[in-house]
Amino acid sequence: DTIEPDGDNLLICNIFGEQKVVKASIHSLSLVDHKIYLKG
């Protein structure tokens, strides 16, 4: 899985090649829980 910045949006791509563009920014990361928290 990847999350790439694209202007004011984030491009999220999973291991199956599915892509989604969301209008958000990264709020915080939890490496222990393997979670990324977005705000937008």
PDB file of N, CA and C in Angstrom:
ATOM      1  N   ASP A   1       0.836  -1.183   0.000  1.00  0.00           N
ATOM      2  CA  ASP A   1       0.000   0.000   0.000  1.00  0.00           C
ATOM      3  C   ASP A   1       0.879   1.244   0.000  1.00  0.00           C
ATOM      4  N   THR A   2       0.415   2.262  -0.704  1.00  0.00           N
ATOM      5  CA  THR A   2       1.153   3.523  -0.730  1.00  0.00           C
ATOM      6  C   THR A   2       0.192   4.688  -0.554  1.00  0.00           C
ATOM      7  N   ILE A   3       0.716   5.764  -0.002  1.00  0.00           N
ATOM      8  CA  ILE A   3       0.002   7.036   0.095  1.00  0.00           C
ATOM      9  C   ILE A   3       0.943   8.098  -0.439  1.00  0.00           C
ATOM     10  N   GLU A   4       0.519   8.787  -1.506  1.00  0.00           N
ATOM     11  CA  GLU A   4       1.363   9.799  -2.127  1.00  0.00           C
ATOM     12  C   GLU A   4       0.640  11.137  -2.132  1.00  0.00           C
ATOM     13  N   PRO A   5       1.339  12.219  -1.780  1.00  0.00           N
ATOM     14  CA  PRO A   5       0.714  13.539  -1.848  1.00  0.00           C
ATOM     15  C   PRO A   5       0.496  13.943  -3.303  1.00  0.00           C
ATOM     16  N   ASP A   6      -0.635  14.604  -3.559  1.00  0.00           N
ATOM     17  CA  ASP A   6      -0.979  15.068  -4.904  1.00  0.00           C
ATOM     18  C   ASP A   6      -1.659  16.425  -4.760  1.00  0.00           C
ATOM     19  N   GLY A   7      -0.869  17.466  -4.557  1.00  0.00           N
ATOM     20  CA  GLY A   7      -1.432  18.790  -4.299  1.00  0.00           C
ATOM     21  C   GLY A   7      -2.087  18.815  -2.927  1.00  0.00           C
ATOM     22  N   ASP A   8      -3.382  19.171  -2.873  1.00  0.00           N
ATOM     23  CA  ASP A   8      -4.130  19.180  -1.613  1.00  0.00           C
ATOM     24  C   ASP A   8      -4.743  17.819  -1.305  1.00  0.00           C
ATOM     25  N   ASN A   9      -4.512  16.838  -2.162  1.00  0.00           N
ATOM     26  CA  ASN A   9      -5.118  15.517  -2.027  1.00  0.00           C
ATOM     27  C   ASN A   9      -4.058  14.468  -1.708  1.00  0.00           C
ATOM     28  N   LEU A  10      -4.540  13.279  -1.375  1.00  0.00           N
ATOM     29  CA  LEU A  10      -3.667  12.120  -1.192  1.00  0.00           C
ATOM     30  C   LEU A  10      -4.119  11.025  -2.148  1.00  0.00           C
ATOM     31  N   LEU A  11      -3.182  10.396  -2.819  1.00  0.00           N
ATOM     32  CA  LEU A  11      -3.464   9.270  -3.696  1.00  0.00           C
ATOM     33  C   LEU A  11      -3.134   8.003  -2.922  1.00  0.00           C
ATOM     34  N   ILE A  12      -4.153   7.182  -2.681  1.00  0.00           N
ATOM     35  CA  ILE A  12      -3.989   5.939  -1.925  1.00  0.00           C
ATOM     36  C   ILE A  12      -4.087   4.776  -2.905  1.00  0.00           C
ATOM     37  N   CYS A  13      -3.093   3.894  -2.882  1.00  0.00           N
ATOM     38  CA  CYS A  13      -3.069   2.744  -3.783  1.00  0.00           C
ATOM     39  C   CYS A  13      -2.817   1.487  -2.950  1.00  0.00           C
ATOM     40  N   ASN A  14      -3.657   0.442  -3.166  1.00  0.00           N
ATOM     41  CA  ASN A  14      -3.475  -0.786  -2.391  1.00  0.00           C
ATOM     42  C   ASN A  14      -2.706  -1.835  -3.198  1.00  0.00           C
ATOM     43  N   ILE A  15      -2.489  -2.994  -2.612  1.00  0.00           N
ATOM     44  CA  ILE A  15      -1.676  -4.031  -3.253  1.00  0.00           C
ATOM     45  C   ILE A  15      -2.352  -4.636  -4.480  1.00  0.00           C
ATOM     46  N   PHE A  16      -3.653  -4.410  -4.657  1.00  0.00           N
ATOM     47  CA  PHE A  16      -4.372  -4.921  -5.816  1.00  0.00           C
ATOM     48  C   PHE A  16      -4.387  -3.919  -6.964  1.00  0.00           C
ATOM     49  N   GLY A  17      -3.754  -2.746  -6.771  1.00  0.00           N
ATOM     50  CA  GLY A  17      -3.710  -1.733  -7.811  1.00  0.00           C
ATOM     51  C   GLY A  17      -4.888  -0.777  -7.798  1.00  0.00           C
ATOM     52  N   GLU A  18      -5.807  -0.959  -6.856  1.00  0.00           N
ATOM     53  CA  GLU A  18      -6.943  -0.046  -6.753  1.00  0.00           C
ATOM     54  C   GLU A  18      -6.456   1.286  -6.209  1.00  0.00           C
ATOM     55  N   GLN A  19      -6.944   2.383  -6.810  1.00  0.00           N
ATOM     56  CA  GLN A  19      -6.513   3.711  -6.400  1.00  0.00           C
ATOM     57  C   GLN A  19      -7.702   4.543  -5.966  1.00  0.00           C
ATOM     58  N   LYS A  20      -7.453   5.444  -5.024  1.00  0.00           N
ATOM     59  CA  LYS A  20      -8.484   6.365  -4.560  1.00  0.00           C
ATOM     60  C   LYS A  20      -7.810   7.682  -4.226  1.00  0.00           C
ATOM     61  N   VAL A  21      -8.435   8.780  -4.637  1.00  0.00           N
ATOM     62  CA  VAL A  21      -7.943  10.112  -4.311  1.00  0.00           C
ATOM     63  C   VAL A  21      -8.852  10.683  -3.232  1.00  0.00           C
ATOM     64  N   VAL A  22      -8.266  11.135  -2.137  1.00  0.00           N
ATOM     65  CA  VAL A  22      -9.041  11.720  -1.044  1.00  0.00           C
ATOM     66  C   VAL A  22      -8.507  13.114  -0.742  1.00  0.00           C
ATOM     67  N   LYS A  23      -9.420  14.014  -0.397  1.00  0.00           N
ATOM     68  CA  LYS A  23      -9.031  15.374  -0.023  1.00  0.00           C
ATOM     69  C   LYS A  23      -8.782  15.364   1.478  1.00  0.00           C
ATOM     70  N   ALA A  24      -7.528  15.162   1.852  1.00  0.00           N
ATOM     71  CA  ALA A  24      -7.162  15.045   3.263  1.00  0.00           C
ATOM     72  C   ALA A  24      -5.669  15.280   3.413  1.00  0.00           C
ATOM     73  N   SER A  25      -5.247  15.359   4.657  1.00  0.00           N
ATOM     74  CA  SER A  25      -3.824  15.433   4.974  1.00  0.00           C
ATOM     75  C   SER A  25      -3.545  14.449   6.102  1.00  0.00           C
ATOM     76  N   ILE A  26      -2.296  14.066   6.245  1.00  0.00           N
ATOM     77  CA  ILE A  26      -1.921  13.117   7.290  1.00  0.00           C
ATOM     78  C   ILE A  26      -1.904  13.844   8.633  1.00  0.00           C
ATOM     79  N   HIS A  27      -2.679  13.319   9.574  1.00  0.00           N
ATOM     80  CA  HIS A  27      -2.763  13.912  10.911  1.00  0.00           C
ATOM     81  C   HIS A  27      -1.705  13.317  11.835  1.00  0.00           C
ATOM     82  N   SER A  28      -1.614  11.984  11.855  1.00  0.00           N
ATOM     83  CA  SER A  28      -0.614  11.321  12.689  1.00  0.00           C
ATOM     84  C   SER A  28      -0.414   9.886  12.215  1.00  0.00           C
ATOM     85  N   LEU A  29       0.659   9.270  12.726  1.00  0.00           N
ATOM     86  CA  LEU A  29       0.986   7.880  12.410  1.00  0.00           C
ATOM     87  C   LEU A  29       1.083   7.086  13.698  1.00  0.00           C
ATOM     88  N   SER A  30       0.612   5.846  13.654  1.00  0.00           N
ATOM     89  CA  SER A  30       0.792   4.930  14.772  1.00  0.00           C
ATOM     90  C   SER A  30       1.507   3.700  14.227  1.00  0.00           C
ATOM     91  N   LEU A  31       2.824   3.695  14.359  1.00  0.00           N
ATOM     92  CA  LEU A  31       3.609   2.596  13.807  1.00  0.00           C
ATOM     93  C   LEU A  31       3.370   1.293  14.554  1.00  0.00           C
ATOM     94  N   VAL A  32       3.073   1.363  15.828  1.00  0.00           N
ATOM     95  CA  VAL A  32       2.810   0.161  16.619  1.00  0.00           C
ATOM     96  C   VAL A  32       1.525  -0.517  16.146  1.00  0.00           C
ATOM     97  N   ASP A  33       0.485   0.290  15.860  1.00  0.00           N
ATOM     98  CA  ASP A  33      -0.810  -0.246  15.423  1.00  0.00           C
ATOM     99  C   ASP A  33      -0.929  -0.358  13.906  1.00  0.00           C
ATOM    100  N   HIS A  34       0.095   0.069  13.167  1.00  0.00           N
ATOM    101  CA  HIS A  34       0.082   0.059  11.702  1.00  0.00           C
ATOM    102  C   HIS A  34      -1.084   0.879  11.154  1.00  0.00           C
ATOM    103  N   LYS A  35      -1.278   2.094  11.690  1.00  0.00           N
ATOM    104  CA  LYS A  35      -2.385   2.944  11.261  1.00  0.00           C
ATOM    105  C   LYS A  35      -1.879   4.333  10.894  1.00  0.00           C
ATOM    106  N   ILE A  36      -2.546   4.927   9.903  1.00  0.00           N
ATOM    107  CA  ILE A  36      -2.290   6.307   9.507  1.00  0.00           C
ATOM    108  C   ILE A  36      -3.600   7.057   9.681  1.00  0.00           C
ATOM    109  N   TYR A  37      -3.562   8.139  10.444  1.00  0.00           N
ATOM    110  CA  TYR A  37      -4.760   8.926  10.703  1.00  0.00           C
ATOM    111  C   TYR A  37      -4.762  10.150   9.800  1.00  0.00           C
ATOM    112  N   LEU A  38      -5.868  10.344   9.080  1.00  0.00           N
ATOM    113  CA  LEU A  38      -6.013  11.457   8.153  1.00  0.00           C
ATOM    114  C   LEU A  38      -6.980  12.476   8.715  1.00  0.00           C
ATOM    115  N   LYS A  39      -6.817  13.731   8.296  1.00  0.00           N
ATOM    116  CA  LYS A  39      -7.805  14.754   8.628  1.00  0.00           C
ATOM    117  C   LYS A  39      -8.138  15.491   7.347  1.00  0.00           C
ATOM    118  N   GLY A  40      -9.375  15.900   7.239  1.00  0.00           N
ATOM    119  CA  GLY A  40      -9.737  16.606   6.013  1.00  0.00           C
ATOM    120  C   GLY A  40     -11.137  16.877   5.974  1.00  0.00           C
TER     121      GLY A  40
END
